[in-house]
Amino acid sequence: MAKAQSFADKAAKLAKKTELTAICPDTNKETRILTVRLVQAVKTEKGTYKFLDRNAKIYESTFKVYKP
């Protein structure tokens, strides 16, 4: 009977397939593109806080936003 694949194995396999690389404009070297979640706290008119979150792609070497 074959061994069942664990979630970590599946995630590692998927990460290798979808890995993006690009030339960083600041360092002029090839670097990986990482997907991160940015969370921003915004104060509303009532005085409470609302959290806005979005996904963004950044360069691994400089952590600046990737613009294709």
PDB file of N, CA and C in Angstrom:
ATOM      1  N   MET A   1       0.843  -1.172   0.000  1.00  0.00           N
ATOM      2  CA  MET A   1       0.000   0.000   0.000  1.00  0.00           C
ATOM      3  C   MET A   1       0.898   1.248   0.000  1.00  0.00           C
ATOM      4  N   ALA A   2       0.543   2.211  -0.809  1.00  0.00           N
ATOM      5  CA  ALA A   2       1.341   3.428  -0.940  1.00  0.00           C
ATOM      6  C   ALA A   2       1.116   4.346   0.255  1.00  0.00           C
ATOM      7  N   LYS A   3       2.161   5.104   0.579  1.00  0.00           N
ATOM      8  CA  LYS A   3       2.069   6.053   1.691  1.00  0.00           C
ATOM      9  C   LYS A   3       1.238   7.259   1.247  1.00  0.00           C
ATOM     10  N   ALA A   4       0.335   7.691   2.079  1.00  0.00           N
ATOM     11  CA  ALA A   4      -0.480   8.869   1.775  1.00  0.00           C
ATOM     12  C   ALA A   4       0.381  10.122   1.877  1.00  0.00           C
ATOM     13  N   GLN A   5       0.144  11.040   0.971  1.00  0.00           N
ATOM     14  CA  GLN A   5       0.912  12.272   0.950  1.00  0.00           C
ATOM     15  C   GLN A   5       0.412  13.207   2.055  1.00  0.00           C
ATOM     16  N   SER A   6       1.339  13.788   2.825  1.00  0.00           N
ATOM     17  CA  SER A   6       0.932  14.705   3.886  1.00  0.00           C
ATOM     18  C   SER A   6       0.675  16.093   3.292  1.00  0.00           C
ATOM     19  N   PHE A   7       0.033  16.940   4.088  1.00  0.00           N
ATOM     20  CA  PHE A   7      -0.250  18.298   3.632  1.00  0.00           C
ATOM     21  C   PHE A   7       1.039  19.068   3.360  1.00  0.00           C
ATOM     22  N   ALA A   8       2.056  18.862   4.197  1.00  0.00           N
ATOM     23  CA  ALA A   8       3.339  19.556   4.014  1.00  0.00           C
ATOM     24  C   ALA A   8       3.987  19.147   2.691  1.00  0.00           C
ATOM     25  N   ASP A   9       3.888  17.873   2.338  1.00  0.00           N
ATOM     26  CA  ASP A   9       4.435  17.423   1.063  1.00  0.00           C
ATOM     27  C   ASP A   9       3.712  18.073  -0.112  1.00  0.00           C
ATOM     28  N   LYS A  10       2.397  18.148  -0.022  1.00  0.00           N
ATOM     29  CA  LYS A  10       1.608  18.770  -1.088  1.00  0.00           C
ATOM     30  C   LYS A  10       1.940  20.256  -1.212  1.00  0.00           C
ATOM     31  N   ALA A  11       2.062  20.946  -0.076  1.00  0.00           N
ATOM     32  CA  ALA A  11       2.351  22.384  -0.091  1.00  0.00           C
ATOM     33  C   ALA A  11       3.737  22.652  -0.662  1.00  0.00           C
ATOM     34  N   ALA A  12       4.711  21.822  -0.308  1.00  0.00           N
ATOM     35  CA  ALA A  12       6.073  22.006  -0.829  1.00  0.00           C
ATOM     36  C   ALA A  12       6.115  21.767  -2.330  1.00  0.00           C
ATOM     37  N   LYS A  13       5.386  20.775  -2.779  1.00  0.00           N
ATOM     38  CA  LYS A  13       5.331  20.470  -4.212  1.00  0.00           C
ATOM     39  C   LYS A  13       4.685  21.622  -4.975  1.00  0.00           C
ATOM     40  N   LEU A  14       3.608  22.165  -4.439  1.00  0.00           N
ATOM     41  CA  LEU A  14       2.922  23.276  -5.076  1.00  0.00           C
ATOM     42  C   LEU A  14       3.785  24.531  -5.076  1.00  0.00           C
ATOM     43  N   ALA A  15       4.521  24.772  -4.011  1.00  0.00           N
ATOM     44  CA  ALA A  15       5.384  25.960  -3.921  1.00  0.00           C
ATOM     45  C   ALA A  15       6.483  25.916  -4.967  1.00  0.00           C
ATOM     46  N   LYS A  16       7.013  24.743  -5.247  1.00  0.00           N
ATOM     47  CA  LYS A  16       8.056  24.632  -6.267  1.00  0.00           C
ATOM     48  C   LYS A  16       7.504  24.947  -7.645  1.00  0.00           C
ATOM     49  N   LYS A  17       6.259  24.535  -7.900  1.00  0.00           N
ATOM     50  CA  LYS A  17       5.662  24.758  -9.208  1.00  0.00           C
ATOM     51  C   LYS A  17       5.348  26.223  -9.444  1.00  0.00           C
ATOM     52  N   THR A  18       4.873  26.923  -8.432  1.00  0.00           N
ATOM     53  CA  THR A  18       4.394  28.285  -8.619  1.00  0.00           C
ATOM     54  C   THR A  18       5.432  29.342  -8.240  1.00  0.00           C
ATOM     55  N   GLU A  19       6.671  28.948  -8.050  1.00  0.00           N
ATOM     56  CA  GLU A  19       7.693  29.913  -7.637  1.00  0.00           C
ATOM     57  C   GLU A  19       7.992  30.878  -8.783  1.00  0.00           C
ATOM     58  N   LEU A  20       7.865  32.160  -8.513  1.00  0.00           N
ATOM     59  CA  LEU A  20       8.130  33.190  -9.506  1.00  0.00           C
ATOM     60  C   LEU A  20       9.496  33.820  -9.243  1.00  0.00           C
ATOM     61  N   THR A  21      10.202  34.131 -10.303  1.00  0.00           N
ATOM     62  CA  THR A  21      11.462  34.865 -10.179  1.00  0.00           C
ATOM     63  C   THR A  21      11.426  36.034 -11.147  1.00  0.00           C
ATOM     64  N   ALA A  22      12.108  37.093 -10.782  1.00  0.00           N
ATOM     65  CA  ALA A  22      12.183  38.287 -11.614  1.00  0.00           C
ATOM     66  C   ALA A  22      13.465  39.035 -11.277  1.00  0.00           C
ATOM     67  N   ILE A  23      13.833  39.960 -12.131  1.00  0.00           N
ATOM     68  CA  ILE A  23      15.000  40.810 -11.898  1.00  0.00           C
ATOM     69  C   ILE A  23      14.563  42.000 -11.056  1.00  0.00           C
ATOM     70  N   CYS A  24      15.182  42.155  -9.901  1.00  0.00           N
ATOM     71  CA  CYS A  24      14.865  43.269  -9.013  1.00  0.00           C
ATOM     72  C   CYS A  24      15.463  44.548  -9.599  1.00  0.00           C
ATOM     73  N   PRO A  25      14.684  45.610  -9.745  1.00  0.00           N
ATOM     74  CA  PRO A  25      15.215  46.844 -10.335  1.00  0.00           C
ATOM     75  C   PRO A  25      16.255  47.547  -9.457  1.00  0.00           C
ATOM     76  N   ASP A  26      16.216  47.336  -8.150  1.00  0.00           N
ATOM     77  CA  ASP A  26      17.161  47.999  -7.250  1.00  0.00           C
ATOM     78  C   ASP A  26      18.524  47.311  -7.238  1.00  0.00           C
ATOM     79  N   THR A  27      18.518  45.972  -7.203  1.00  0.00           N
ATOM     80  CA  THR A  27      19.774  45.229  -7.096  1.00  0.00           C
ATOM     81  C   THR A  27      20.257  44.674  -8.423  1.00  0.00           C
ATOM     82  N   ASN A  28      19.402  44.678  -9.450  1.00  0.00           N
ATOM     83  CA  ASN A  28      19.707  44.112 -10.772  1.00  0.00           C
ATOM     84  C   ASN A  28      20.117  42.651 -10.688  1.00  0.00           C
ATOM     85  N   LYS A  29      19.562  41.931  -9.729  1.00  0.00           N
ATOM     86  CA  LYS A  29      19.816  40.500  -9.575  1.00  0.00           C
ATOM     87  C   LYS A  29      18.492  39.759  -9.627  1.00  0.00           C
ATOM     88  N   GLU A  30      18.558  38.493 -10.010  1.00  0.00           N
ATOM     89  CA  GLU A  30      17.350  37.682 -10.042  1.00  0.00           C
ATOM     90  C   GLU A  30      16.951  37.321  -8.616  1.00  0.00           C
ATOM     91  N   THR A  31      15.691  37.523  -8.288  1.00  0.00           N
ATOM     92  CA  THR A  31      15.191  37.262  -6.951  1.00  0.00           C
ATOM     93  C   THR A  31      13.807  36.638  -7.029  1.00  0.00           C
ATOM     94  N   ARG A  32      13.405  35.992  -5.957  1.00  0.00           N
ATOM     95  CA  ARG A  32      12.083  35.375  -5.910  1.00  0.00           C
ATOM     96  C   ARG A  32      11.023  36.434  -5.623  1.00  0.00           C
ATOM     97  N   ILE A  33       9.802  36.154  -6.070  1.00  0.00           N
ATOM     98  CA  ILE A  33       8.659  37.003  -5.795  1.00  0.00           C
ATOM     99  C   ILE A  33       7.831  36.303  -4.716  1.00  0.00           C
ATOM    100  N   LEU A  34       7.581  36.990  -3.616  1.00  0.00           N
ATOM    101  CA  LEU A  34       6.819  36.433  -2.503  1.00  0.00           C
ATOM    102  C   LEU A  34       5.425  37.043  -2.476  1.00  0.00           C
ATOM    103  N   THR A  35       4.434  36.253  -2.086  1.00  0.00           N
ATOM    104  CA  THR A  35       3.079  36.755  -1.899  1.00  0.00           C
ATOM    105  C   THR A  35       2.858  36.944  -0.405  1.00  0.00           C
ATOM    106  N   VAL A  36       2.485  38.156  -0.020  1.00  0.00           N
ATOM    107  CA  VAL A  36       2.265  38.476   1.395  1.00  0.00           C
ATOM    108  C   VAL A  36       0.892  39.118   1.557  1.00  0.00           C
ATOM    109  N   ARG A  37       0.394  39.112   2.793  1.00  0.00           N
ATOM    110  CA  ARG A  37      -0.872  39.760   3.104  1.00  0.00           C
ATOM    111  C   ARG A  37      -0.566  41.040   3.888  1.00  0.00           C
ATOM    112  N   LEU A  38      -1.038  42.170   3.380  1.00  0.00           N
ATOM    113  CA  LEU A  38      -0.843  43.460   4.031  1.00  0.00           C
ATOM    114  C   LEU A  38      -2.124  43.837   4.767  1.00  0.00           C
ATOM    115  N   VAL A  39      -1.994  44.212   6.032  1.00  0.00           N
ATOM    116  CA  VAL A  39      -3.144  44.609   6.847  1.00  0.00           C
ATOM    117  C   VAL A  39      -2.939  46.058   7.275  1.00  0.00           C
ATOM    118  N   GLN A  40      -3.961  46.876   7.047  1.00  0.00           N
ATOM    119  CA  GLN A  40      -3.872  48.295   7.371  1.00  0.00           C
ATOM    120  C   GLN A  40      -5.029  48.656   8.302  1.00  0.00           C
ATOM    121  N   ALA A  41      -4.732  49.338   9.399  1.00  0.00           N
ATOM    122  CA  ALA A  41      -5.759  49.787  10.334  1.00  0.00           C
ATOM    123  C   ALA A  41      -6.182  51.203   9.948  1.00  0.00           C
ATOM    124  N   VAL A  42      -7.479  51.380   9.741  1.00  0.00           N
ATOM    125  CA  VAL A  42      -8.023  52.678   9.332  1.00  0.00           C
ATOM    126  C   VAL A  42      -9.040  53.113  10.376  1.00  0.00           C
ATOM    127  N   LYS A  43      -8.900  54.343  10.843  1.00  0.00           N
ATOM    128  CA  LYS A  43      -9.836  54.879  11.833  1.00  0.00           C
ATOM    129  C   LYS A  43     -11.074  55.404  11.113  1.00  0.00           C
ATOM    130  N   THR A  44     -12.248  54.989  11.561  1.00  0.00           N
ATOM    131  CA  THR A  44     -13.499  55.417  10.938  1.00  0.00           C
ATOM    132  C   THR A  44     -13.962  56.736  11.538  1.00  0.00           C
ATOM    133  N   GLU A  45     -15.063  57.269  10.989  1.00  0.00           N
ATOM    134  CA  GLU A  45     -15.608  58.538  11.486  1.00  0.00           C
ATOM    135  C   GLU A  45     -16.134  58.418  12.915  1.00  0.00           C
ATOM    136  N   LYS A  46     -16.570  57.213  13.288  1.00  0.00           N
ATOM    137  CA  LYS A  46     -17.096  56.986  14.632  1.00  0.00           C
ATOM    138  C   LYS A  46     -15.987  56.867  15.675  1.00  0.00           C
ATOM    139  N   GLY A  47     -14.757  56.715  15.233  1.00  0.00           N
ATOM    140  CA  GLY A  47     -13.646  56.579  16.163  1.00  0.00           C
ATOM    141  C   GLY A  47     -13.187  55.140  16.351  1.00  0.00           C
ATOM    142  N   THR A  48     -13.872  54.212  15.704  1.00  0.00           N
ATOM    143  CA  THR A  48     -13.450  52.811  15.784  1.00  0.00           C
ATOM    144  C   THR A  48     -12.459  52.519  14.660  1.00  0.00           C
ATOM    145  N   TYR A  49     -11.844  51.362  14.734  1.00  0.00           N
ATOM    146  CA  TYR A  49     -10.867  50.986  13.718  1.00  0.00           C
ATOM    147  C   TYR A  49     -11.414  49.879  12.838  1.00  0.00           C
ATOM    148  N   LYS A  50     -11.105  49.982  11.562  1.00  0.00           N
ATOM    149  CA  LYS A  50     -11.479  48.978  10.589  1.00  0.00           C
ATOM    150  C   LYS A  50     -10.186  48.469   9.967  1.00  0.00           C
ATOM    151  N   PHE A  51     -10.100  47.172   9.739  1.00  0.00           N
ATOM    152  CA  PHE A  51      -8.890  46.588   9.178  1.00  0.00           C
ATOM    153  C   PHE A  51      -9.103  46.234   7.720  1.00  0.00           C
ATOM    154  N   LEU A  52      -8.256  46.787   6.870  1.00  0.00           N
ATOM    155  CA  LEU A  52      -8.285  46.489   5.447  1.00  0.00           C
ATOM    156  C   LEU A  52      -7.119  45.557   5.154  1.00  0.00           C
ATOM    157  N   ASP A  53      -7.415  44.443   4.539  1.00  0.00           N
ATOM    158  CA  ASP A  53      -6.322  43.532   4.202  1.00  0.00           C
ATOM    159  C   ASP A  53      -6.348  43.244   2.710  1.00  0.00           C
ATOM    160  N   ARG A  54      -5.161  43.079   2.155  1.00  0.00           N
ATOM    161  CA  ARG A  54      -5.027  42.785   0.730  1.00  0.00           C
ATOM    162  C   ARG A  54      -3.772  41.944   0.525  1.00  0.00           C
ATOM    163  N   ASN A  55      -3.749  41.230  -0.568  1.00  0.00           N
ATOM    164  CA  ASN A  55      -2.577  40.440  -0.929  1.00  0.00           C
ATOM    165  C   ASN A  55      -1.715  41.252  -1.875  1.00  0.00           C
ATOM    166  N   ALA A  56      -0.406  41.110  -1.741  1.00  0.00           N
ATOM    167  CA  ALA A  56       0.522  41.819  -2.610  1.00  0.00           C
ATOM    168  C   ALA A  56       1.716  40.922  -2.897  1.00  0.00           C
ATOM    169  N   LYS A  57       2.370  41.181  -4.008  1.00  0.00           N
ATOM    170  CA  LYS A  57       3.595  40.460  -4.354  1.00  0.00           C
ATOM    171  C   LYS A  57       4.763  41.417  -4.151  1.00  0.00           C
ATOM    172  N   ILE A  58       5.835  40.900  -3.529  1.00  0.00           N
ATOM    173  CA  ILE A  58       7.006  41.724  -3.245  1.00  0.00           C
ATOM    174  C   ILE A  58       8.273  40.996  -3.664  1.00  0.00           C
ATOM    175  N   TYR A  59       9.355  41.761  -3.872  1.00  0.00           N
ATOM    176  CA  TYR A  59      10.666  41.183  -4.134  1.00  0.00           C
ATOM    177  C   TYR A  59      11.244  40.680  -2.820  1.00  0.00           C
ATOM    178  N   GLU A  60      11.854  39.496  -2.839  1.00  0.00           N
ATOM    179  CA  GLU A  60      12.424  38.937  -1.619  1.00  0.00           C
ATOM    180  C   GLU A  60      13.662  39.712  -1.169  1.00  0.00           C
ATOM    181  N   SER A  61      14.433  40.257  -2.097  1.00  0.00           N
ATOM    182  CA  SER A  61      15.688  40.916  -1.739  1.00  0.00           C
ATOM    183  C   SER A  61      15.482  42.297  -1.119  1.00  0.00           C
ATOM    184  N   THR A  62      14.500  43.062  -1.591  1.00  0.00           N
ATOM    185  CA  THR A  62      14.317  44.433  -1.108  1.00  0.00           C
ATOM    186  C   THR A  62      12.995  44.669  -0.406  1.00  0.00           C
ATOM    187  N   PHE A  63      12.078  43.717  -0.468  1.00  0.00           N
ATOM    188  CA  PHE A  63      10.740  43.830   0.132  1.00  0.00           C
ATOM    189  C   PHE A  63       9.951  45.013  -0.404  1.00  0.00           C
ATOM    190  N   LYS A  64      10.174  45.364  -1.671  1.00  0.00           N
ATOM    191  CA  LYS A  64       9.390  46.400  -2.324  1.00  0.00           C
ATOM    192  C   LYS A  64       8.321  45.724  -3.176  1.00  0.00           C
ATOM    193  N   VAL A  65       7.243  46.451  -3.428  1.00  0.00           N
ATOM    194  CA  VAL A  65       6.104  45.889  -4.163  1.00  0.00           C
ATOM    195  C   VAL A  65       6.517  45.566  -5.594  1.00  0.00           C
ATOM    196  N   TYR A  66       6.123  44.370  -6.034  1.00  0.00           N
ATOM    197  CA  TYR A  66       6.408  43.894  -7.382  1.00  0.00           C
ATOM    198  C   TYR A  66       5.359  44.431  -8.339  1.00  0.00           C
ATOM    199  N   LYS A  67       5.812  45.092  -9.397  1.00  0.00           N
ATOM    200  CA  LYS A  67       4.908  45.606 -10.422  1.00  0.00           C
ATOM    201  C   LYS A  67       5.310  44.980 -11.745  1.00  0.00           C
ATOM    202  N   PRO A  68       4.475  44.060 -12.263  1.00  0.00           N
ATOM    203  CA  PRO A  68       4.842  43.379 -13.528  1.00  0.00           C
ATOM    204  C   PRO A  68       4.829  44.279 -14.734  1.00  0.00           C
TER     205      PRO A  68
END
